[in-house]
Amino acid sequence: MPEGMRLRLSIALAGWPLIGINPGNGRAPHAVAAHERQVVVVRFCWEEACLRLPLRQRDQAAA
């Protein structure tokens, strides 16, 4: 994926709460404390030109 596209995706996702964006250079995200981070799988649909974010509710027992 081109660097410009990665940057646009990072900016688009940065507004979502509790999501830390990896800057793509191996450093850890700084936006959210480690105990509050959630793993989110992001798929970019080139044909539809949209982002789909399949967010799951956190398991309260794991919190």
C-alpha atoms as a PDB file:
ATOM      1  CA  MET A   1       0.000   0.000   0.000  1.00  0.00           C
ATOM      2  CA  PRO A   2       1.450   3.425  -0.896  1.00  0.00           C
ATOM      3  CA  GLU A   3       2.605   5.630   1.986  1.00  0.00           C
ATOM      4  CA  GLY A   4       0.078   8.338   1.122  1.00  0.00           C
ATOM      5  CA  MET A   5      -2.775   5.841   1.351  1.00  0.00           C
ATOM      6  CA  ARG A   6      -1.497   4.555   4.727  1.00  0.00           C
ATOM      7  CA  LEU A   7      -1.417   8.128   6.007  1.00  0.00           C
ATOM      8  CA  ARG A   8      -4.981   8.791   4.862  1.00  0.00           C
ATOM      9  CA  LEU A   9      -6.190   5.585   6.503  1.00  0.00           C
ATOM     10  CA  SER A  10      -4.359   6.480   9.733  1.00  0.00           C
ATOM     11  CA  ILE A  11      -5.940   9.933   9.777  1.00  0.00           C
ATOM     12  CA  ALA A  12      -9.381   8.471   9.079  1.00  0.00           C
ATOM     13  CA  LEU A  13      -9.055   5.945  11.907  1.00  0.00           C
ATOM     14  CA  ALA A  14      -7.430   8.310  14.414  1.00  0.00           C
ATOM     15  CA  GLY A  15     -10.791   9.804  15.363  1.00  0.00           C
ATOM     16  CA  TRP A  16     -12.223   6.488  16.551  1.00  0.00           C
ATOM     17  CA  PRO A  17     -12.106   6.187  20.363  1.00  0.00           C
ATOM     18  CA  LEU A  18      -9.896   3.547  21.975  1.00  0.00           C
ATOM     19  CA  ILE A  19      -7.979   2.786  18.792  1.00  0.00           C
ATOM     20  CA  GLY A  20      -4.224   3.332  18.689  1.00  0.00           C
ATOM     21  CA  ILE A  21      -2.838   3.802  15.186  1.00  0.00           C
ATOM     22  CA  ASN A  22       0.542   2.223  14.503  1.00  0.00           C
ATOM     23  CA  PRO A  23       2.497   4.844  12.554  1.00  0.00           C
ATOM     24  CA  GLY A  24       3.929   2.121  10.289  1.00  0.00           C
ATOM     25  CA  ASN A  25       7.537   2.533  11.401  1.00  0.00           C
ATOM     26  CA  GLY A  26       7.606  -0.089  14.147  1.00  0.00           C
ATOM     27  CA  ARG A  27       6.834   2.284  17.020  1.00  0.00           C
ATOM     28  CA  ALA A  28       3.918   1.619  19.353  1.00  0.00           C
ATOM     29  CA  PRO A  29       0.823   3.810  19.076  1.00  0.00           C
ATOM     30  CA  HIS A  30       0.744   6.688  21.558  1.00  0.00           C
ATOM     31  CA  ALA A  31      -2.923   7.682  21.320  1.00  0.00           C
ATOM     32  CA  VAL A  32      -4.358   5.262  23.884  1.00  0.00           C
ATOM     33  CA  ALA A  33      -3.070   3.718  27.105  1.00  0.00           C
ATOM     34  CA  ALA A  34      -2.073   0.059  26.706  1.00  0.00           C
ATOM     35  CA  HIS A  35      -4.808  -1.244  29.021  1.00  0.00           C
ATOM     36  CA  GLU A  36      -7.481   0.557  26.940  1.00  0.00           C
ATOM     37  CA  ARG A  37      -6.374  -0.602  23.486  1.00  0.00           C
ATOM     38  CA  GLN A  38      -8.575  -2.747  21.286  1.00  0.00           C
ATOM     39  CA  VAL A  39      -7.470  -4.737  18.267  1.00  0.00           C
ATOM     40  CA  VAL A  40      -9.505  -3.806  15.210  1.00  0.00           C
ATOM     41  CA  VAL A  41      -9.234  -5.450  11.808  1.00  0.00           C
ATOM     42  CA  VAL A  42      -9.595  -2.863   9.060  1.00  0.00           C
ATOM     43  CA  ARG A  43     -10.367  -3.869   5.516  1.00  0.00           C
ATOM     44  CA  PHE A  44     -10.281  -1.294   2.752  1.00  0.00           C
ATOM     45  CA  CYS A  45     -12.695  -2.086  -0.082  1.00  0.00           C
ATOM     46  CA  TRP A  46     -11.061  -0.670  -3.209  1.00  0.00           C
ATOM     47  CA  GLU A  47     -14.135  -1.341  -5.357  1.00  0.00           C
ATOM     48  CA  GLU A  48     -16.464   0.477  -2.977  1.00  0.00           C
ATOM     49  CA  ALA A  49     -13.938   3.091  -1.786  1.00  0.00           C
ATOM     50  CA  CYS A  50     -15.031   2.742   1.827  1.00  0.00           C
ATOM     51  CA  LEU A  51     -13.689   1.505   5.137  1.00  0.00           C
ATOM     52  CA  ARG A  52     -15.402  -1.278   7.040  1.00  0.00           C
ATOM     53  CA  LEU A  53     -14.610  -1.517  10.724  1.00  0.00           C
ATOM     54  CA  PRO A  54     -15.972  -4.722  12.285  1.00  0.00           C
ATOM     55  CA  LEU A  55     -16.006  -3.554  15.903  1.00  0.00           C
ATOM     56  CA  ARG A  56     -16.806  -6.034  18.652  1.00  0.00           C
ATOM     57  CA  GLN A  57     -17.987  -5.301  22.146  1.00  0.00           C
ATOM     58  CA  ARG A  58     -15.320  -5.913  24.768  1.00  0.00           C
ATOM     59  CA  ASP A  59     -15.854  -8.903  26.987  1.00  0.00           C
ATOM     60  CA  GLN A  60     -16.727  -7.455  30.395  1.00  0.00           C
ATOM     61  CA  ALA A  61     -15.050 -10.404  32.146  1.00  0.00           C
ATOM     62  CA  ALA A  62     -11.755  -9.575  30.426  1.00  0.00           C
ATOM     63  CA  ALA A  63     -11.956  -5.869  31.306  1.00  0.00           C
END
